[in-house]
Amino acid sequence: RAFLRYCLVHRQLAESLQLCLLDPEILREWYYARSPFLSPQRRAE
């Protein structure tokens, strides 16, 4: 929660999350198949 607030204040939320979402291996390691992060279209939205 503190990280989200920090990123909102510093206008870094989208960029920070995008960096985390670039690696499909990490995404599959952390999320099950229903996660919107595993769908390229949902992730882009």
All heavy atoms as atom14 arrays in JSON, in Angstrom:
{
  "sequence": "RAFLRYCLVHRQLAESLQLCLLDPEILREWYYARSPFLSPQRRAE",
  "atom14_mask": [
    [1, 1, 1, 1, 1, 1, 1, 1, 1, 1, 1, 0, 0, 0],
    [1, 1, 1, 1, 1, 0, 0, 0, 0, 0, 0, 0, 0, 0],
    [1, 1, 1, 1, 1, 1, 1, 1, 1, 1, 1, 0, 0, 0],
    [1, 1, 1, 1, 1, 1, 1, 1, 0, 0, 0, 0, 0, 0],
    [1, 1, 1, 1, 1, 1, 1, 1, 1, 1, 1, 0, 0, 0],
    [1, 1, 1, 1, 1, 1, 1, 1, 1, 1, 1, 1, 0, 0],
    [1, 1, 1, 1, 1, 1, 0, 0, 0, 0, 0, 0, 0, 0],
    [1, 1, 1, 1, 1, 1, 1, 1, 0, 0, 0, 0, 0, 0],
    [1, 1, 1, 1, 1, 1, 1, 0, 0, 0, 0, 0, 0, 0],
    [1, 1, 1, 1, 1, 1, 1, 1, 1, 1, 0, 0, 0, 0],
    [1, 1, 1, 1, 1, 1, 1, 1, 1, 1, 1, 0, 0, 0],
    [1, 1, 1, 1, 1, 1, 1, 1, 1, 0, 0, 0, 0, 0],
    [1, 1, 1, 1, 1, 1, 1, 1, 0, 0, 0, 0, 0, 0],
    [1, 1, 1, 1, 1, 0, 0, 0, 0, 0, 0, 0, 0, 0],
    [1, 1, 1, 1, 1, 1, 1, 1, 1, 0, 0, 0, 0, 0],
    [1, 1, 1, 1, 1, 1, 0, 0, 0, 0, 0, 0, 0, 0],
    [1, 1, 1, 1, 1, 1, 1, 1, 0, 0, 0, 0, 0, 0],
    [1, 1, 1, 1, 1, 1, 1, 1, 1, 0, 0, 0, 0, 0],
    [1, 1, 1, 1, 1, 1, 1, 1, 0, 0, 0, 0, 0, 0],
    [1, 1, 1, 1, 1, 1, 0, 0, 0, 0, 0, 0, 0, 0],
    [1, 1, 1, 1, 1, 1, 1, 1, 0, 0, 0, 0, 0, 0],
    [1, 1, 1, 1, 1, 1, 1, 1, 0, 0, 0, 0, 0, 0],
    [1, 1, 1, 1, 1, 1, 1, 1, 0, 0, 0, 0, 0, 0],
    [1, 1, 1, 1, 1, 1, 1, 0, 0, 0, 0, 0, 0, 0],
    [1, 1, 1, 1, 1, 1, 1, 1, 1, 0, 0, 0, 0, 0],
    [1, 1, 1, 1, 1, 1, 1, 1, 0, 0, 0, 0, 0, 0],
    [1, 1, 1, 1, 1, 1, 1, 1, 0, 0, 0, 0, 0, 0],
    [1, 1, 1, 1, 1, 1, 1, 1, 1, 1, 1, 0, 0, 0],
    [1, 1, 1, 1, 1, 1, 1, 1, 1, 0, 0, 0, 0, 0],
    [1, 1, 1, 1, 1, 1, 1, 1, 1, 1, 1, 1, 1, 1],
    [1, 1, 1, 1, 1, 1, 1, 1, 1, 1, 1, 1, 0, 0],
    [1, 1, 1, 1, 1, 1, 1, 1, 1, 1, 1, 1, 0, 0],
    [1, 1, 1, 1, 1, 0, 0, 0, 0, 0, 0, 0, 0, 0],
    [1, 1, 1, 1, 1, 1, 1, 1, 1, 1, 1, 0, 0, 0],
    [1, 1, 1, 1, 1, 1, 0, 0, 0, 0, 0, 0, 0, 0],
    [1, 1, 1, 1, 1, 1, 1, 0, 0, 0, 0, 0, 0, 0],
    [1, 1, 1, 1, 1, 1, 1, 1, 1, 1, 1, 0, 0, 0],
    [1, 1, 1, 1, 1, 1, 1, 1, 0, 0, 0, 0, 0, 0],
    [1, 1, 1, 1, 1, 1, 0, 0, 0, 0, 0, 0, 0, 0],
    [1, 1, 1, 1, 1, 1, 1, 0, 0, 0, 0, 0, 0, 0],
    [1, 1, 1, 1, 1, 1, 1, 1, 1, 0, 0, 0, 0, 0],
    [1, 1, 1, 1, 1, 1, 1, 1, 1, 1, 1, 0, 0, 0],
    [1, 1, 1, 1, 1, 1, 1, 1, 1, 1, 1, 0, 0, 0],
    [1, 1, 1, 1, 1, 0, 0, 0, 0, 0, 0, 0, 0, 0],
    [1, 1, 1, 1, 1, 1, 1, 1, 1, 0, 0, 0, 0, 0]
  ],
  "atom14_positions": [
    [[0.83, -1.21, 0.0], [0.0, 0.0, 0.0], [0.86, 1.26, 0.0], [0.57, 2.22, -0.71], [-0.92, 0.0, 1.21], [-2.02, -1.02, 1.1], [-2.85, -1.1, 2.35], [-3.92, -2.08, 2.16], [-4.64, -2.58, 3.14], [-4.43, -2.2, 4.39], [-5.58, -3.46, 2.88], [0.0, 0.0, 0.0], [0.0, 0.0, 0.0], [0.0, 0.0, 0.0]],
    [[1.92, 1.25, 0.79], [2.83, 2.4, 0.82], [3.5, 2.59, -0.53], [3.69, 3.73, -0.99], [3.87, 2.22, 1.93], [0.0, 0.0, 0.0], [0.0, 0.0, 0.0], [0.0, 0.0, 0.0], [0.0, 0.0, 0.0], [0.0, 0.0, 0.0], [0.0, 0.0, 0.0], [0.0, 0.0, 0.0], [0.0, 0.0, 0.0], [0.0, 0.0, 0.0]],
    [[3.86, 1.5, -1.18], [4.49, 1.57, -2.49], [3.54, 2.17, -3.52], [3.94, 3.01, -4.33], [4.95, 0.18, -2.94], [5.63, 0.18, -4.28], [6.95, 0.58, -4.4], [4.95, -0.2, -5.42], [7.59, 0.59, -5.64], [5.56, -0.19, -6.67], [6.89, 0.21, -6.77], [0.0, 0.0, 0.0], [0.0, 0.0, 0.0], [0.0, 0.0, 0.0]],
    [[2.28, 1.74, -3.51], [1.29, 2.3, -4.44], [1.16, 3.81, -4.24], [1.12, 4.57, -5.2], [-0.07, 1.62, -4.26], [-0.15, 0.15, -4.66], [-1.54, -0.41, -4.35], [0.22, -0.06, -6.11], [0.0, 0.0, 0.0], [0.0, 0.0, 0.0], [0.0, 0.0, 0.0], [0.0, 0.0, 0.0], [0.0, 0.0, 0.0], [0.0, 0.0, 0.0]],
    [[1.09, 4.24, -2.99], [0.97, 5.68, -2.69], [2.21, 6.43, -3.16], [2.11, 7.5, -3.75], [0.73, 5.89, -1.2], [-0.63, 5.38, -0.73], [-0.75, 5.39, 0.78], [-0.66, 6.72, 1.34], [-1.69, 7.55, 1.46], [-2.89, 7.19, 1.06], [-1.52, 8.75, 1.98], [0.0, 0.0, 0.0], [0.0, 0.0, 0.0], [0.0, 0.0, 0.0]],
    [[3.38, 5.87, -2.9], [4.62, 6.5, -3.35], [4.61, 6.67, -4.86], [4.93, 7.74, -5.39], [5.82, 5.64, -2.92], [7.14, 6.2, -3.4], [7.89, 7.03, -2.58], [7.64, 5.91, -4.67], [9.1, 7.56, -3.02], [8.83, 6.44, -5.12], [9.56, 7.26, -4.29], [10.75, 7.79, -4.73], [0.0, 0.0, 0.0], [0.0, 0.0, 0.0]],
    [[4.23, 5.62, -5.57], [4.22, 5.67, -7.04], [3.18, 6.66, -7.56], [3.43, 7.33, -8.57], [3.97, 4.28, -7.61], [5.4, 3.19, -7.47], [0.0, 0.0, 0.0], [0.0, 0.0, 0.0], [0.0, 0.0, 0.0], [0.0, 0.0, 0.0], [0.0, 0.0, 0.0], [0.0, 0.0, 0.0], [0.0, 0.0, 0.0], [0.0, 0.0, 0.0]],
    [[2.04, 6.77, -6.9], [1.04, 7.76, -7.33], [1.59, 9.17, -7.17], [1.47, 10.0, -8.08], [-0.25, 7.59, -6.54], [-1.1, 6.37, -6.9], [-2.22, 6.2, -5.88], [-1.66, 6.49, -8.31], [0.0, 0.0, 0.0], [0.0, 0.0, 0.0], [0.0, 0.0, 0.0], [0.0, 0.0, 0.0], [0.0, 0.0, 0.0], [0.0, 0.0, 0.0]],
    [[2.2, 9.46, -6.04], [2.76, 10.8, -5.79], [3.84, 11.14, -6.8], [3.92, 12.26, -7.3], [3.29, 10.9, -4.34], [4.13, 12.16, -4.15], [2.15, 10.86, -3.34], [0.0, 0.0, 0.0], [0.0, 0.0, 0.0], [0.0, 0.0, 0.0], [0.0, 0.0, 0.0], [0.0, 0.0, 0.0], [0.0, 0.0, 0.0], [0.0, 0.0, 0.0]],
    [[4.68, 10.16, -7.12], [5.82, 10.4, -8.01], [5.54, 10.06, -9.47], [6.46, 10.04, -10.29], [7.04, 9.62, -7.51], [7.55, 10.15, -6.22], [7.12, 9.68, -4.99], [8.42, 11.15, -5.94], [7.73, 10.35, -4.03], [8.52, 11.25, -4.58], [0.0, 0.0, 0.0], [0.0, 0.0, 0.0], [0.0, 0.0, 0.0], [0.0, 0.0, 0.0]],
    [[4.28, 9.78, -9.76], [3.84, 9.49, -11.14], [4.65, 8.36, -11.77], [5.09, 8.44, -12.92], [3.89, 10.75, -12.0], [2.98, 11.83, -11.44], [3.06, 13.1, -12.18], [2.17, 14.07, -11.5], [1.8, 15.2, -12.03], [2.2, 15.55, -13.22], [1.01, 16.0, -11.36], [0.0, 0.0, 0.0], [0.0, 0.0, 0.0], [0.0, 0.0, 0.0]],
    [[4.82, 7.29, -10.99], [5.61, 6.15, -11.44], [4.85, 4.83, -11.43], [5.43, 3.78, -11.67], [6.84, 5.98, -10.53], [7.81, 7.1, -10.55], [8.94, 6.88, -9.55], [8.94, 5.92, -8.78], [9.9, 7.78, -9.56], [0.0, 0.0, 0.0], [0.0, 0.0, 0.0], [0.0, 0.0, 0.0], [0.0, 0.0, 0.0], [0.0, 0.0, 0.0]],
    [[3.54, 4.88, -11.15], [2.8, 3.63, -10.98], [2.76, 2.81, -12.26], [3.09, 1.62, -12.26], [1.38, 3.91, -10.48], [0.55, 2.67, -10.18], [1.22, 1.81, -9.11], [-0.84, 3.06, -9.75], [0.0, 0.0, 0.0], [0.0, 0.0, 0.0], [0.0, 0.0, 0.0], [0.0, 0.0, 0.0], [0.0, 0.0, 0.0], [0.0, 0.0, 0.0]],
    [[2.37, 3.4, -13.36], [2.25, 2.65, -14.61], [3.61, 2.1, -15.05], [3.72, 0.93, -15.42], [1.65, 3.54, -15.7], [0.0, 0.0, 0.0], [0.0, 0.0, 0.0], [0.0, 0.0, 0.0], [0.0, 0.0, 0.0], [0.0, 0.0, 0.0], [0.0, 0.0, 0.0], [0.0, 0.0, 0.0], [0.0, 0.0, 0.0], [0.0, 0.0, 0.0]],
    [[4.61, 2.94, -15.0], [5.94, 2.5, -15.44], [6.46, 1.36, -14.55], [7.0, 0.37, -15.05], [6.93, 3.66, -15.4], [8.33, 3.27, -15.8], [9.34, 4.39, -15.6], [8.95, 5.53, -15.3], [10.53, 4.11, -15.76], [0.0, 0.0, 0.0], [0.0, 0.0, 0.0], [0.0, 0.0, 0.0], [0.0, 0.0, 0.0], [0.0, 0.0, 0.0]],
    [[6.28, 1.5, -13.24], [6.76, 0.48, -12.31], [6.04, -0.84, -12.54], [6.67, -1.9, -12.59], [6.55, 0.94, -10.87], [7.28, 2.12, -10.63], [0.0, 0.0, 0.0], [0.0, 0.0, 0.0], [0.0, 0.0, 0.0], [0.0, 0.0, 0.0], [0.0, 0.0, 0.0], [0.0, 0.0, 0.0], [0.0, 0.0, 0.0], [0.0, 0.0, 0.0]],
    [[4.73, -0.78, -12.68], [3.98, -2.01, -12.92], [4.32, -2.62, -14.27], [4.46, -3.84, -14.4], [2.47, -1.74, -12.81], [1.59, -2.98, -12.82], [1.98, -3.96, -11.71], [0.14, -2.6, -12.68], [0.0, 0.0, 0.0], [0.0, 0.0, 0.0], [0.0, 0.0, 0.0], [0.0, 0.0, 0.0], [0.0, 0.0, 0.0], [0.0, 0.0, 0.0]],
    [[4.5, -1.79, -15.27], [4.85, -2.29, -16.59], [6.18, -3.06, -16.54], [6.32, -4.11, -17.17], [4.94, -1.16, -17.6], [5.18, -1.65, -19.01], [5.09, -0.56, -20.05], [5.18, 0.62, -19.73], [4.9, -0.94, -21.29], [0.0, 0.0, 0.0], [0.0, 0.0, 0.0], [0.0, 0.0, 0.0], [0.0, 0.0, 0.0], [0.0, 0.0, 0.0]],
    [[7.14, -2.56, -15.79], [8.41, -3.26, -15.66], [8.22, -4.64, -15.06], [8.88, -5.6, -15.45], [9.39, -2.44, -14.8], [9.94, -1.17, -15.44], [10.7, -0.34, -14.42], [10.83, -1.51, -16.62], [0.0, 0.0, 0.0], [0.0, 0.0, 0.0], [0.0, 0.0, 0.0], [0.0, 0.0, 0.0], [0.0, 0.0, 0.0], [0.0, 0.0, 0.0]],
    [[7.28, -4.76, -14.11], [7.01, -6.06, -13.49], [6.28, -7.0, -14.43], [6.41, -8.22, -14.31], [6.16, -5.86, -12.23], [7.0, -4.96, -10.93], [0.0, 0.0, 0.0], [0.0, 0.0, 0.0], [0.0, 0.0, 0.0], [0.0, 0.0, 0.0], [0.0, 0.0, 0.0], [0.0, 0.0, 0.0], [0.0, 0.0, 0.0], [0.0, 0.0, 0.0]],
    [[5.5, -6.44, -15.33], [4.67, -7.26, -16.21], [5.37, -7.68, -17.5], [4.81, -8.42, -18.3], [3.38, -6.5, -16.56], [2.5, -6.13, -15.37], [1.29, -5.33, -15.85], [2.07, -7.35, -14.58], [0.0, 0.0, 0.0], [0.0, 0.0, 0.0], [0.0, 0.0, 0.0], [0.0, 0.0, 0.0], [0.0, 0.0, 0.0], [0.0, 0.0, 0.0]],
    [[6.6, -7.25, -17.7], [7.33, -7.57, -18.93], [7.81, -9.02, -18.99], [8.01, -9.56, -20.07], [8.54, -6.64, -19.09], [8.22, -5.2, -19.46], [9.48, -4.35, -19.41], [7.57, -5.12, -20.83], [0.0, 0.0, 0.0], [0.0, 0.0, 0.0], [0.0, 0.0, 0.0], [0.0, 0.0, 0.0], [0.0, 0.0, 0.0], [0.0, 0.0, 0.0]],
    [[7.99, -9.64, -17.85], [8.57, -10.98, -17.8], [7.47, -12.03, -17.62], [6.92, -12.18, -16.52], [9.56, -11.06, -16.64], [10.39, -12.32, -16.66], [9.93, -13.34, -17.22], [11.5, -12.3, -16.11], [0.0, 0.0, 0.0], [0.0, 0.0, 0.0], [0.0, 0.0, 0.0], [0.0, 0.0, 0.0], [0.0, 0.0, 0.0], [0.0, 0.0, 0.0]],
    [[7.13, -12.77, -18.68], [6.06, -13.78, -18.57], [6.35, -14.87, -17.55], [5.45, -15.42, -16.94], [5.95, -14.36, -19.97], [6.91, -13.64, -20.83], [7.71, -12.7, -20.0], [0.0, 0.0, 0.0], [0.0, 0.0, 0.0], [0.0, 0.0, 0.0], [0.0, 0.0, 0.0], [0.0, 0.0, 0.0], [0.0, 0.0, 0.0], [0.0, 0.0, 0.0]],
    [[7.63, -15.19, -17.35], [8.0, -16.21, -16.36], [7.6, -15.78, -14.96], [7.05, -16.57, -14.19], [9.51, -16.46, -16.39], [9.95, -17.45, -17.42], [11.44, -17.74, -17.31], [11.93, -17.93, -16.18], [12.1, -17.75, -18.36], [0.0, 0.0, 0.0], [0.0, 0.0, 0.0], [0.0, 0.0, 0.0], [0.0, 0.0, 0.0], [0.0, 0.0, 0.0]],
    [[7.9, -14.54, -14.61], [7.54, -14.03, -13.29], [6.02, -14.0, -13.14], [5.49, -14.37, -12.09], [8.14, -12.63, -13.03], [9.65, -12.72, -12.9], [7.55, -12.0, -11.78], [10.34, -11.4, -12.69], [0.0, 0.0, 0.0], [0.0, 0.0, 0.0], [0.0, 0.0, 0.0], [0.0, 0.0, 0.0], [0.0, 0.0, 0.0], [0.0, 0.0, 0.0]],
    [[5.33, -13.58, -14.18], [3.86, -13.52, -14.12], [3.28, -14.91, -13.84], [2.4, -15.06, -12.99], [3.29, -12.96, -15.41], [3.46, -11.47, -15.62], [2.95, -11.07, -17.0], [2.73, -10.7, -14.54], [0.0, 0.0, 0.0], [0.0, 0.0, 0.0], [0.0, 0.0, 0.0], [0.0, 0.0, 0.0], [0.0, 0.0, 0.0], [0.0, 0.0, 0.0]],
    [[3.75, -15.92, -14.54], [3.23, -17.28, -14.34], [3.64, -17.84, -12.99], [2.95, -18.66, -12.4], [3.68, -18.19, -15.47], [2.91, -17.95, -16.77], [3.19, -19.03, -17.81], [4.59, -19.13, -18.19], [5.17, -18.38, -19.15], [4.46, -17.51, -19.82], [6.44, -18.53, -19.44], [0.0, 0.0, 0.0], [0.0, 0.0, 0.0], [0.0, 0.0, 0.0]],
    [[4.79, -17.39, -12.49], [5.26, -17.83, -11.18], [4.36, -17.29, -10.06], [4.13, -17.94, -9.06], [6.69, -17.36, -10.97], [7.28, -17.71, -9.63], [8.68, -17.12, -9.45], [9.39, -16.9, -10.44], [9.03, -16.87, -8.29], [0.0, 0.0, 0.0], [0.0, 0.0, 0.0], [0.0, 0.0, 0.0], [0.0, 0.0, 0.0], [0.0, 0.0, 0.0]],
    [[3.84, -16.07, -10.25], [3.07, -15.4, -9.2], [1.56, -15.45, -9.37], [0.82, -15.28, -8.39], [3.51, -13.94, -9.09], [4.81, -13.8, -8.38], [6.05, -13.83, -8.91], [4.99, -13.63, -6.97], [7.0, -13.69, -7.93], [6.37, -13.56, -6.73], [4.11, -13.52, -5.89], [6.9, -13.39, -5.46], [4.64, -13.35, -4.62], [6.02, -13.29, -4.41]],
    [[1.06, -15.63, -10.61], [-0.38, -15.54, -10.86], [-0.91, -16.79, -11.56], [-0.24, -17.38, -12.4], [-0.69, -14.32, -11.73], [-0.55, -13.02, -10.97], [0.64, -12.28, -11.02], [-1.59, -12.53, -10.18], [0.77, -11.1, -10.3], [-1.47, -11.36, -9.47], [-0.28, -10.65, -9.52], [-0.15, -9.49, -8.8], [0.0, 0.0, 0.0], [0.0, 0.0, 0.0]],
    [[-2.14, -17.12, -11.19], [-2.87, -18.2, -11.88], [-3.43, -17.66, -13.19], [-3.42, -16.45, -13.44], [-4.0, -18.74, -11.0], [-3.52, -19.5, -9.8], [-3.7, -18.99, -8.51], [-2.91, -20.75, -9.92], [-3.27, -19.69, -7.39], [-2.48, -21.46, -8.81], [-2.66, -20.92, -7.55], [-2.23, -21.62, -6.45], [0.0, 0.0, 0.0], [0.0, 0.0, 0.0]],
    [[-3.99, -18.56, -13.99], [-4.4, -18.24, -15.36], [-5.5, -17.18, -15.47], [-5.59, -16.5, -16.49], [-4.87, -19.52, -16.07], [0.0, 0.0, 0.0], [0.0, 0.0, 0.0], [0.0, 0.0, 0.0], [0.0, 0.0, 0.0], [0.0, 0.0, 0.0], [0.0, 0.0, 0.0], [0.0, 0.0, 0.0], [0.0, 0.0, 0.0], [0.0, 0.0, 0.0]],
    [[-6.34, -17.0, -14.46], [-7.43, -16.02, -14.56], [-6.97, -14.58, -14.37], [-7.73, -13.65, -14.58], [-8.54, -16.32, -13.54], [-9.27, -17.61, -13.8], [-10.4, -17.83, -12.82], [-10.02, -17.51, -11.46], [-10.84, -16.99, -10.55], [-12.09, -16.74, -10.84], [-10.4, -16.73, -9.33], [0.0, 0.0, 0.0], [0.0, 0.0, 0.0], [0.0, 0.0, 0.0]],
    [[-5.74, -14.37, -13.97], [-5.25, -13.02, -13.74], [-5.27, -12.21, -15.03], [-4.83, -12.67, -16.08], [-3.81, -13.06, -13.22], [-3.26, -11.75, -13.2], [0.0, 0.0, 0.0], [0.0, 0.0, 0.0], [0.0, 0.0, 0.0], [0.0, 0.0, 0.0], [0.0, 0.0, 0.0], [0.0, 0.0, 0.0], [0.0, 0.0, 0.0], [0.0, 0.0, 0.0]],
    [[-5.79, -10.98, -14.96], [-5.79, -10.14, -16.16], [-4.37, -9.79, -16.63], [-4.19, -9.45, -17.79], [-6.56, -8.89, -15.74], [-6.57, -8.92, -14.25], [-6.42, -10.33, -13.83], [0.0, 0.0, 0.0], [0.0, 0.0, 0.0], [0.0, 0.0, 0.0], [0.0, 0.0, 0.0], [0.0, 0.0, 0.0], [0.0, 0.0, 0.0], [0.0, 0.0, 0.0]],
    [[-3.4, -9.93, -15.77], [-2.02, -9.63, -16.16], [-1.49, -10.65, -17.16], [-0.53, -10.37, -17.88], [-1.1, -9.58, -14.95], [-1.44, -8.48, -13.98], [-1.4, -8.71, -12.62], [-1.77, -7.21, -14.42], [-1.69, -7.69, -11.73], [-2.07, -6.19, -13.53], [-2.04, -6.44, -12.18], [0.0, 0.0, 0.0], [0.0, 0.0, 0.0], [0.0, 0.0, 0.0]],
    [[-2.07, -11.83, -17.21], [-1.61, -12.87, -18.14], [-2.24, -12.73, -19.52], [-1.82, -13.4, -20.46], [-1.88, -14.26, -17.56], [-1.05, -14.59, -16.31], [-1.48, -15.91, -15.72], [0.43, -14.6, -16.63], [0.0, 0.0, 0.0], [0.0, 0.0, 0.0], [0.0, 0.0, 0.0], [0.0, 0.0, 0.0], [0.0, 0.0, 0.0], [0.0, 0.0, 0.0]],
    [[-3.22, -11.85, -19.66], [-3.84, -11.58, -20.96], [-3.2, -10.33, -21.55], [-3.31, -9.24, -20.96], [-5.34, -11.36, -20.78], [-5.88, -10.69, -21.89], [0.0, 0.0, 0.0], [0.0, 0.0, 0.0], [0.0, 0.0, 0.0], [0.0, 0.0, 0.0], [0.0, 0.0, 0.0], [0.0, 0.0, 0.0], [0.0, 0.0, 0.0], [0.0, 0.0, 0.0]],
    [[-2.54, -10.43, -22.7], [-1.9, -9.24, -23.29], [-2.87, -8.08, -23.51], [-2.51, -6.93, -23.27], [-1.34, -9.76, -24.62], [-1.16, -11.22, -24.41], [-2.27, -11.64, -23.48], [0.0, 0.0, 0.0], [0.0, 0.0, 0.0], [0.0, 0.0, 0.0], [0.0, 0.0, 0.0], [0.0, 0.0, 0.0], [0.0, 0.0, 0.0], [0.0, 0.0, 0.0]],
    [[-4.08, -8.38, -23.9], [-5.07, -7.31, -24.14], [-5.46, -6.63, -22.83], [-5.47, -5.4, -22.74], [-6.32, -7.88, -24.82], [-7.37, -6.81, -25.09], [-8.63, -7.4, -25.73], [-8.63, -8.54, -26.17], [-9.68, -6.61, -25.76], [0.0, 0.0, 0.0], [0.0, 0.0, 0.0], [0.0, 0.0, 0.0], [0.0, 0.0, 0.0], [0.0, 0.0, 0.0]],
    [[-5.78, -7.41, -21.82], [-6.16, -6.84, -20.51], [-4.99, -6.06, -19.89], [-5.17, -5.01, -19.32], [-6.62, -7.94, -19.55], [-7.87, -8.62, -19.97], [-9.07, -7.77, -19.59], [-10.27, -8.44, -20.01], [-11.13, -7.94, -20.88], [-10.92, -6.77, -21.4], [-12.2, -8.61, -21.22], [0.0, 0.0, 0.0], [0.0, 0.0, 0.0], [0.0, 0.0, 0.0]],
    [[-3.82, -6.64, -20.02], [-2.62, -5.99, -19.47], [-2.43, -4.62, -20.12], [-2.18, -3.62, -19.44], [-1.41, -6.9, -19.7], [-0.17, -6.44, -19.01], [0.93, -7.5, -19.03], [1.27, -7.96, -20.37], [1.21, -9.24, -20.76], [0.82, -10.19, -19.94], [1.54, -9.58, -21.99], [0.0, 0.0, 0.0], [0.0, 0.0, 0.0], [0.0, 0.0, 0.0]],
    [[-2.6, -4.54, -21.42], [-2.46, -3.27, -22.14], [-3.53, -2.28, -21.71], [-3.24, -1.07, -21.53], [-2.52, -3.5, -23.65], [0.0, 0.0, 0.0], [0.0, 0.0, 0.0], [0.0, 0.0, 0.0], [0.0, 0.0, 0.0], [0.0, 0.0, 0.0], [0.0, 0.0, 0.0], [0.0, 0.0, 0.0], [0.0, 0.0, 0.0], [0.0, 0.0, 0.0]],
    [[-4.75, -2.74, -21.51], [-5.83, -1.87, -21.05], [-5.54, -1.31, -19.66], [-5.72, -0.11, -19.41], [-7.17, -2.63, -21.02], [-7.71, -2.98, -22.38], [-8.9, -3.93, -22.32], [-9.3, -4.35, -21.21], [-9.43, -4.25, -23.4], [0.0, 0.0, 0.0], [0.0, 0.0, 0.0], [0.0, 0.0, 0.0], [0.0, 0.0, 0.0], [0.0, 0.0, 0.0]]
  ]
}
